[in-house]
């Protein structure tokens, strides 16, 4: 039990450290929202794809399998394959 509590406090301290470190680098709302426009196109594309994939895979696909049946779980294999393609 003590190890778990210590882990939570260490994690919280790490989050606070990251927050204070990043606060020094962000001066305006544009710096926060758009990364100061210093992010390259590849990182932006990966972020957009990850956002799209997470919403579909964690909400849309399970709902479709629940409503239409287990047969539609084959879509997960196709989505993963074509995502890497």
N, C-alpha and C. Protein backbone atom coordinates (compact mmCIF):
# COMPACT_ATOMS: atom_id res chain seq x y z
N UNK A 1 0.82 -1.20 0.00
CA UNK A 1 0.00 0.00 0.00
C UNK A 1 0.86 1.26 0.00
N UNK A 2 1.93 1.25 0.76
CA UNK A 2 2.80 2.43 0.81
C UNK A 2 3.50 2.67 -0.52
N UNK A 3 3.81 1.61 -1.23
CA UNK A 3 4.44 1.75 -2.54
C UNK A 3 3.48 2.41 -3.53
N UNK A 4 2.22 2.06 -3.45
CA UNK A 4 1.22 2.65 -4.34
C UNK A 4 1.05 4.14 -4.07
N UNK A 5 0.99 4.50 -2.80
CA UNK A 5 0.84 5.92 -2.45
C UNK A 5 2.07 6.70 -2.87
N UNK A 6 3.24 6.12 -2.67
CA UNK A 6 4.48 6.78 -3.09
C UNK A 6 4.52 6.96 -4.59
N UNK A 7 4.02 5.95 -5.32
CA UNK A 7 3.99 6.05 -6.78
C UNK A 7 3.08 7.18 -7.24
N UNK A 8 1.95 7.34 -6.58
CA UNK A 8 1.03 8.41 -6.94
C UNK A 8 1.68 9.77 -6.69
N UNK A 9 2.34 9.93 -5.55
CA UNK A 9 3.00 11.19 -5.24
C UNK A 9 4.15 11.49 -6.20
N UNK A 10 4.91 10.48 -6.58
CA UNK A 10 6.01 10.67 -7.53
C UNK A 10 5.44 11.06 -8.90
N UNK A 11 4.37 10.40 -9.31
CA UNK A 11 3.73 10.74 -10.59
C UNK A 11 3.21 12.17 -10.57
N UNK A 12 2.56 12.56 -9.47
CA UNK A 12 2.04 13.92 -9.34
C UNK A 12 3.17 14.94 -9.36
N UNK A 13 4.28 14.64 -8.68
CA UNK A 13 5.44 15.55 -8.68
C UNK A 13 6.02 15.66 -10.08
N UNK A 14 6.06 14.57 -10.81
CA UNK A 14 6.55 14.60 -12.19
C UNK A 14 5.65 15.47 -13.07
N UNK A 15 4.34 15.34 -12.91
CA UNK A 15 3.41 16.17 -13.68
C UNK A 15 3.59 17.65 -13.36
N UNK A 16 3.75 17.97 -12.08
CA UNK A 16 3.96 19.37 -11.70
C UNK A 16 5.27 19.91 -12.26
N UNK A 17 6.31 19.08 -12.26
CA UNK A 17 7.60 19.50 -12.83
C UNK A 17 7.46 19.80 -14.31
N UNK A 18 6.79 18.94 -15.04
CA UNK A 18 6.58 19.17 -16.47
C UNK A 18 5.74 20.42 -16.70
N UNK A 19 4.73 20.63 -15.86
CA UNK A 19 3.86 21.81 -16.01
C UNK A 19 4.64 23.10 -15.79
N UNK A 20 5.45 23.15 -14.74
CA UNK A 20 6.23 24.36 -14.48
C UNK A 20 7.29 24.60 -15.55
N UNK A 21 7.89 23.52 -16.05
CA UNK A 21 8.89 23.65 -17.10
C UNK A 21 8.27 24.16 -18.40
N UNK A 22 7.09 23.63 -18.74
CA UNK A 22 6.46 24.07 -19.98
C UNK A 22 5.85 25.47 -19.84
N UNK A 23 5.47 25.86 -18.63
CA UNK A 23 4.92 27.20 -18.42
C UNK A 23 5.95 28.27 -18.76
N UNK A 24 7.20 28.00 -18.51
CA UNK A 24 8.27 28.95 -18.83
C UNK A 24 8.41 29.15 -20.34
N UNK A 25 8.09 28.13 -21.10
CA UNK A 25 8.26 28.20 -22.56
C UNK A 25 7.05 28.77 -23.28
N UNK A 26 5.90 28.81 -22.63
CA UNK A 26 4.67 29.30 -23.25
C UNK A 26 4.36 30.69 -22.74
N UNK A 27 4.33 31.67 -23.65
CA UNK A 27 4.08 33.05 -23.25
C UNK A 27 2.71 33.56 -23.67
N UNK A 28 2.20 33.07 -24.78
CA UNK A 28 0.92 33.55 -25.29
C UNK A 28 -0.01 32.37 -25.53
N UNK A 29 -1.25 32.69 -25.85
CA UNK A 29 -2.22 31.63 -26.16
C UNK A 29 -1.83 30.89 -27.44
N UNK A 30 -1.22 31.60 -28.38
CA UNK A 30 -0.78 30.95 -29.62
C UNK A 30 0.32 29.94 -29.34
N UNK A 31 1.22 30.27 -28.43
CA UNK A 31 2.26 29.31 -28.06
C UNK A 31 1.63 28.03 -27.50
N UNK A 32 0.58 28.21 -26.71
CA UNK A 32 -0.06 27.05 -26.10
C UNK A 32 -0.88 26.25 -27.12
N UNK A 33 -1.71 26.93 -27.88
CA UNK A 33 -2.62 26.26 -28.80
C UNK A 33 -1.92 25.67 -30.02
N UNK A 34 -0.98 26.39 -30.57
CA UNK A 34 -0.35 25.98 -31.83
C UNK A 34 1.12 25.62 -31.69
N UNK A 35 1.60 25.53 -30.47
CA UNK A 35 3.00 25.20 -30.27
C UNK A 35 3.92 26.27 -30.79
N UNK A 36 3.46 27.53 -30.78
CA UNK A 36 4.28 28.61 -31.29
C UNK A 36 4.54 28.50 -32.79
N UNK A 37 3.73 27.70 -33.47
CA UNK A 37 3.89 27.44 -34.92
C UNK A 37 5.28 26.89 -35.26
N UNK A 38 5.85 26.14 -34.33
CA UNK A 38 7.18 25.55 -34.54
C UNK A 38 7.11 24.05 -34.81
N UNK A 39 5.92 23.46 -34.84
CA UNK A 39 5.80 22.03 -35.08
C UNK A 39 5.86 21.76 -36.58
N UNK A 40 6.60 20.73 -36.95
CA UNK A 40 6.68 20.44 -38.39
C UNK A 40 5.44 19.70 -38.87
N UNK A 41 5.30 19.58 -40.16
CA UNK A 41 4.09 19.02 -40.75
C UNK A 41 3.91 17.55 -40.41
N UNK A 42 4.99 16.80 -40.26
CA UNK A 42 4.87 15.39 -39.97
C UNK A 42 4.29 15.16 -38.58
N UNK A 43 4.74 15.93 -37.60
CA UNK A 43 4.21 15.81 -36.25
C UNK A 43 2.73 16.21 -36.21
N UNK A 44 2.37 17.22 -36.95
CA UNK A 44 0.97 17.64 -37.01
C UNK A 44 0.11 16.56 -37.66
N UNK A 45 0.61 15.93 -38.70
CA UNK A 45 -0.14 14.87 -39.37
C UNK A 45 -0.33 13.66 -38.45
N UNK A 46 0.72 13.29 -37.72
CA UNK A 46 0.61 12.18 -36.78
C UNK A 46 -0.40 12.49 -35.68
N UNK A 47 -0.40 13.72 -35.18
CA UNK A 47 -1.35 14.10 -34.13
C UNK A 47 -2.78 14.05 -34.64
N UNK A 48 -3.01 14.53 -35.85
CA UNK A 48 -4.36 14.50 -36.42
C UNK A 48 -4.81 13.06 -36.66
N UNK A 49 -3.93 12.22 -37.14
CA UNK A 49 -4.27 10.82 -37.40
C UNK A 49 -4.54 10.08 -36.08
N UNK A 50 -3.74 10.33 -35.07
CA UNK A 50 -3.95 9.67 -33.78
C UNK A 50 -5.28 10.09 -33.16
N UNK A 51 -5.64 11.34 -33.31
CA UNK A 51 -6.92 11.81 -32.78
C UNK A 51 -8.08 11.14 -33.51
N UNK A 52 -7.99 11.06 -34.81
CA UNK A 52 -9.04 10.42 -35.60
C UNK A 52 -9.14 8.94 -35.28
N UNK A 53 -8.00 8.27 -35.22
CA UNK A 53 -8.00 6.83 -34.98
C UNK A 53 -8.51 6.50 -33.58
N UNK A 54 -8.17 7.30 -32.60
CA UNK A 54 -8.61 6.98 -31.25
C UNK A 54 -10.12 7.14 -31.11
N UNK A 55 -10.67 8.16 -31.73
CA UNK A 55 -12.12 8.33 -31.61
C UNK A 55 -12.87 7.19 -32.30
N UNK A 56 -12.37 6.73 -33.41
CA UNK A 56 -13.05 5.65 -34.12
C UNK A 56 -12.84 4.32 -33.42
N UNK A 57 -11.60 4.01 -33.03
CA UNK A 57 -11.32 2.70 -32.47
C UNK A 57 -11.86 2.51 -31.06
N UNK A 58 -11.96 3.58 -30.29
CA UNK A 58 -12.41 3.42 -28.91
C UNK A 58 -13.89 3.70 -28.72
N UNK A 59 -14.53 4.35 -29.69
CA UNK A 59 -15.95 4.63 -29.55
C UNK A 59 -16.77 4.04 -30.69
N UNK A 60 -16.37 4.29 -31.90
CA UNK A 60 -17.17 3.85 -33.05
C UNK A 60 -17.15 2.37 -33.28
N UNK A 61 -15.98 1.77 -33.27
CA UNK A 61 -15.87 0.34 -33.57
C UNK A 61 -16.57 -0.53 -32.53
N UNK A 62 -16.36 -0.32 -31.22
CA UNK A 62 -17.09 -1.14 -30.25
C UNK A 62 -18.61 -0.96 -30.34
N UNK A 63 -19.05 0.26 -30.62
CA UNK A 63 -20.49 0.48 -30.77
C UNK A 63 -21.04 -0.27 -31.97
N UNK A 64 -20.28 -0.28 -33.06
CA UNK A 64 -20.75 -0.99 -34.24
C UNK A 64 -20.77 -2.50 -34.00
N UNK A 65 -19.77 -3.02 -33.32
CA UNK A 65 -19.74 -4.45 -33.01
C UNK A 65 -20.91 -4.81 -32.09
N UNK A 66 -21.20 -3.93 -31.15
CA UNK A 66 -22.31 -4.19 -30.23
C UNK A 66 -23.65 -4.17 -30.95
N UNK A 67 -23.83 -3.22 -31.85
CA UNK A 67 -25.14 -3.10 -32.50
C UNK A 67 -25.31 -4.04 -33.69
N UNK A 68 -24.24 -4.30 -34.43
CA UNK A 68 -24.36 -5.09 -35.67
C UNK A 68 -23.89 -6.53 -35.52
N UNK A 69 -23.17 -6.84 -34.44
CA UNK A 69 -22.75 -8.21 -34.21
C UNK A 69 -21.24 -8.38 -34.26
N UNK A 70 -20.78 -9.51 -33.74
CA UNK A 70 -19.35 -9.81 -33.62
C UNK A 70 -18.69 -9.96 -34.98
N UNK A 71 -19.46 -10.28 -35.99
CA UNK A 71 -18.90 -10.44 -37.34
C UNK A 71 -18.15 -9.19 -37.79
N UNK A 72 -18.58 -8.03 -37.36
CA UNK A 72 -17.95 -6.78 -37.78
C UNK A 72 -16.62 -6.51 -37.09
N UNK A 73 -16.18 -7.40 -36.21
CA UNK A 73 -14.88 -7.19 -35.58
C UNK A 73 -13.73 -7.37 -36.57
N UNK A 74 -14.00 -7.93 -37.75
CA UNK A 74 -12.96 -8.04 -38.78
C UNK A 74 -12.45 -6.67 -39.20
N UNK A 75 -13.27 -5.65 -39.00
CA UNK A 75 -12.86 -4.30 -39.40
C UNK A 75 -11.63 -3.83 -38.64
N UNK A 76 -11.45 -4.28 -37.40
CA UNK A 76 -10.28 -3.89 -36.62
C UNK A 76 -9.00 -4.33 -37.30
N UNK A 77 -9.01 -5.53 -37.86
CA UNK A 77 -7.83 -6.03 -38.57
C UNK A 77 -7.57 -5.19 -39.81
N UNK A 78 -8.60 -4.88 -40.56
CA UNK A 78 -8.44 -4.04 -41.75
C UNK A 78 -7.98 -2.65 -41.41
N UNK A 79 -8.52 -2.08 -40.34
CA UNK A 79 -8.11 -0.72 -39.95
C UNK A 79 -6.63 -0.67 -39.57
N UNK A 80 -6.18 -1.63 -38.80
CA UNK A 80 -4.77 -1.65 -38.40
C UNK A 80 -3.88 -1.87 -39.61
N UNK A 81 -4.24 -2.80 -40.47
CA UNK A 81 -3.42 -3.08 -41.65
C UNK A 81 -3.31 -1.87 -42.56
N UNK A 82 -4.43 -1.26 -42.89
CA UNK A 82 -4.39 -0.14 -43.82
C UNK A 82 -3.88 1.15 -43.18
N UNK A 83 -3.92 1.24 -41.86
CA UNK A 83 -3.31 2.39 -41.20
C UNK A 83 -1.80 2.38 -41.44
N UNK A 84 -1.20 1.20 -41.33
CA UNK A 84 0.25 1.12 -41.56
C UNK A 84 0.62 1.19 -43.03
N UNK A 85 -0.32 0.83 -43.89
CA UNK A 85 -0.08 0.88 -45.33
C UNK A 85 -0.02 2.32 -45.78
